[in-house]
Every structure is written in structure tokens, then in C-alpha cells.
Protein backbone atom coordinates (compact mmCIF):
# COMPACT_ATOMS: atom_id res chain seq x y z
CA MET A 1 -1.36 -11.93 -11.77
CA LEU A 2 1.05 -9.48 -9.88
CA ARG A 3 3.72 -12.18 -9.44
CA ALA A 4 3.82 -12.92 -13.16
CA ARG A 5 4.02 -9.02 -13.89
CA LEU A 6 7.16 -8.69 -11.33
CA THR A 7 8.74 -11.30 -13.14
CA THR A 8 8.37 -9.86 -16.59
CA GLU A 9 9.32 -6.54 -15.61
CA MET A 10 12.39 -7.91 -13.85
CA LYS A 11 13.32 -9.34 -17.25
CA GLU A 12 12.79 -6.41 -18.99
CA ALA A 13 14.80 -4.07 -16.65
CA MET A 14 17.66 -6.71 -16.98
CA LYS A 15 17.52 -6.38 -20.90
CA ALA A 16 17.27 -2.50 -20.76
CA GLY A 17 19.87 -2.08 -18.03
CA ASP A 18 17.51 -0.25 -15.83
CA LYS A 19 19.48 -1.28 -12.67
CA ALA A 20 17.32 1.12 -10.29
CA LYS A 21 14.10 -0.56 -11.40
CA LEU A 22 15.93 -4.18 -11.22
CA ALA A 23 17.14 -3.58 -7.78
CA THR A 24 13.60 -2.42 -6.59
CA VAL A 25 11.68 -5.27 -8.15
CA ARG A 26 14.18 -7.78 -6.85
CA MET A 27 13.55 -6.11 -3.45
CA ILE A 28 9.71 -6.50 -3.85
CA GLN A 29 10.06 -10.19 -4.90
CA ALA A 30 12.33 -10.89 -1.92
CA ALA A 31 9.58 -9.38 0.48
CA LEU A 32 7.08 -11.59 -1.40
CA LYS A 33 9.11 -14.68 -0.79
CA ASP A 34 9.43 -13.66 2.85
CA LYS A 35 5.81 -13.21 3.00
CA ASP A 36 5.20 -16.64 1.40
CA ILE A 37 7.59 -18.56 4.11
CA GLU A 38 5.73 -16.64 6.67
CA ALA A 39 2.21 -17.74 5.10
CA ARG A 40 3.42 -21.41 4.73
CA GLY A 41 4.88 -21.55 8.47
CA LEU A 42 1.11 -20.60 9.46
CA GLY A 43 -0.38 -23.24 7.29
CA LYS A 44 -1.96 -20.82 4.79
CA GLU A 45 -1.62 -20.61 0.99
CA GLN A 46 0.15 -17.99 -0.83
CA PRO A 47 -0.57 -14.60 -0.28
CA THR A 48 -3.67 -13.15 -2.12
CA ASP A 49 -3.24 -10.00 -4.36
CA GLU A 50 -4.88 -7.84 -1.81
CA GLU A 51 -2.31 -8.92 0.65
CA ILE A 52 0.21 -8.17 -1.80
CA LEU A 53 -0.78 -4.87 -2.42
CA ALA A 54 -1.06 -4.07 1.30
CA LEU A 55 2.69 -5.33 1.34
CA LEU A 56 3.63 -2.86 -1.43
CA GLN A 57 1.73 0.20 0.27
CA LYS A 58 3.70 -0.92 3.49
CA MET A 59 7.09 -0.74 1.32
CA ILE A 60 6.14 2.47 -0.12
CA LYS A 61 5.35 4.16 3.37
CA GLN A 62 8.77 2.70 4.58
CA ARG A 63 10.58 4.45 1.62
CA ASN A 64 8.85 7.78 2.51
CA GLU A 65 9.45 7.62 5.99
CA SER A 66 13.25 6.75 5.34
CA ALA A 67 13.56 9.76 2.97
CA GLY A 68 12.33 11.89 5.60
CA VAL A 69 14.70 10.69 8.16
CA TYR A 70 17.57 11.25 5.53
CA ASP A 71 16.46 14.69 4.62
CA GLN A 72 16.58 15.68 8.53
CA GLY A 73 19.91 13.97 8.69
CA GLY A 74 21.11 16.26 5.89
CA ARG A 75 21.47 13.12 3.11
CA PRO A 76 19.47 14.34 0.12
CA GLU A 77 21.08 11.63 -2.36
CA LEU A 78 19.93 8.82 -0.18
CA ALA A 79 16.25 10.48 0.36
CA GLU A 80 16.13 10.72 -3.48
CA ASN A 81 17.14 7.02 -3.48
CA GLU A 82 14.23 6.14 -1.06
CA ARG A 83 11.77 8.50 -3.31
CA ALA A 84 12.65 6.97 -6.70
CA GLU A 85 12.14 3.33 -4.99
CA ALA A 86 8.89 4.48 -3.63
CA ALA A 87 7.87 5.68 -7.17
CA ILE A 88 8.82 2.46 -8.82
CA ILE A 89 6.78 0.43 -6.31
CA ALA A 90 3.76 2.58 -6.78
CA GLY A 91 3.84 1.75 -10.35
CA TYR A 92 2.57 -1.69 -9.38
CA LEU A 93 -0.50 -0.38 -7.35
CA PRO A 94 -3.88 0.35 -9.15
CA GLN A 95 -4.92 4.03 -9.50
CA GLN A 96 -5.61 5.65 -5.93
CA MET A 97 -8.67 6.99 -5.24
CA ASP A 98 -8.81 11.05 -4.90
CA GLU A 99 -10.32 12.60 -1.85
CA ALA A 100 -13.95 13.05 -3.14
CA GLU A 101 -14.05 9.15 -4.11
CA THR A 102 -12.56 8.40 -0.83
CA ARG A 103 -15.13 10.33 1.12
CA ALA A 104 -17.70 8.79 -1.09
CA ALA A 105 -16.53 5.18 -0.44
CA ILE A 106 -16.66 6.04 3.24
CA GLU A 107 -19.84 7.39 3.29
CA ALA A 108 -21.16 4.36 1.63
CA ALA A 109 -19.42 2.13 3.99
CA VAL A 110 -20.89 3.92 7.13
CA ALA A 111 -24.09 3.51 5.65
CA GLU A 112 -23.59 -0.32 4.96
CA THR A 113 -22.12 -1.20 8.32
CA GLY A 114 -24.59 1.08 10.07
CA ALA A 115 -21.86 2.86 12.09
CA ALA A 116 -23.40 5.34 14.32
CA GLY A 117 -20.35 6.87 15.91
CA PRO A 118 -16.49 6.82 16.58
CA LYS A 119 -16.67 3.49 18.54
CA ASP A 120 -17.55 1.77 15.10
CA MET A 121 -14.57 3.15 13.34
CA GLY A 122 -13.20 -0.72 13.36
CA LYS A 123 -16.02 -1.87 11.43
CA VAL A 124 -15.94 1.10 8.83
CA ILE A 125 -12.16 0.61 8.12
CA ALA A 126 -12.47 -3.22 7.86
CA ALA A 127 -15.34 -2.93 5.25
CA LEU A 128 -13.15 -0.25 3.62
CA LYS A 129 -9.96 -2.62 3.45
CA ALA A 130 -11.99 -5.33 2.27
CA ALA A 131 -13.32 -3.37 -0.77
CA TYR A 132 -10.63 -1.16 -1.50
CA ALA A 133 -7.36 -2.82 -0.77
CA GLY A 134 -4.55 -1.09 -2.71
CA ARG A 135 -6.72 1.97 -4.16
CA MET A 136 -7.08 3.84 -0.89
CA ASP A 137 -4.60 5.28 1.48
CA PHE A 138 -5.75 4.20 4.88
CA GLY A 139 -3.62 6.65 6.82
CA LYS A 140 -5.55 9.63 5.20
CA ALA A 141 -8.87 7.55 5.17
CA SER A 142 -8.95 6.93 8.93
CA GLY A 143 -9.13 10.82 9.35
CA LEU A 144 -11.93 11.17 6.94
CA VAL A 145 -13.67 8.19 8.87
CA LYS A 146 -13.30 9.97 12.02
CA GLU A 147 -14.69 13.10 10.80
CA VAL A 148 -17.68 11.24 9.18
CA LEU A 149 -18.34 9.44 12.38
CA ASN A 150 -18.06 12.46 14.63
CA ALA A 151 -20.59 14.16 12.26
CA LYS A 152 -22.98 11.37 12.91
CA ALA A 153 -22.83 11.19 16.79
């Protein structure tokens, strides 16, 4: 489903002459082809939508880190390009959960997995990734999981 959307949006960007969006969509498709080749090499099928969402989140994280490096290096124009790419990529992700929704999901996952303390953090994160791939920022969520589990211990 996501692949078809990317193809459609690439065609629309070509027709509209939106070079920034076109370049970003092509970059996403190149990353997807790399992922496909990697999967074939391992004898797997094409990546699932959840794996594609994880790839998109990784790409956004890379763009944000690069923007920070460019800012520190005194290159604001390059930082702005990275942020623009990150914003376009983020448009393909589902609506992100806010902090209250994230905390509620974490507490439900803790109860569901029977986690008793910080040593069970891996189980909770795995359950969250299975249920909320693409909708939750796991970098921020891990801090909240740690906080919830420390309160339980």
C-alpha cells in the first residue's frame, strides 16, 4: 500500500515540478530497493509495511542528526535541506502518538507483558514495537518505559 502511494506521489511531484519532493521520494524508493535486495539475500519476502515505517523513521532520524551537525558547522542552508527532507518523509508516517497516548500504551504493555522492573524493558519495548510501529517515537518511549518500570520496582 505504501509502495503504491510513493509511486503515485512521485508521478505527481514530476507533473507539478516539485523537485524537492521528487528527490526525496526517489531517495525513499532507493532505500526500499536496498531493503528488498537485503531481504532477498536473506531468503525473505518483501519488507512489510511495519518494516517500511521503521525504515522511514530511521531516515527521519538521520536527517535530523545531519541537520544538527550542519547547524554546528555553520551551514544553515544544508541543515534546512535536511529538515525539509525529514518533513516530506514524515508525511508518509501515520499520525504520531502524543505523550499521554504513549504513556497509556506503555502502561498497557507493561501490564500485558507482566513486566516487574527495569530488567523487563526489552519485553515491553518489543510489545510496543509490534503494536505501534510507525506511530510511536521509540527514542522518547524508552525513557518513559524506564520511568514506568522503575516506579514498579
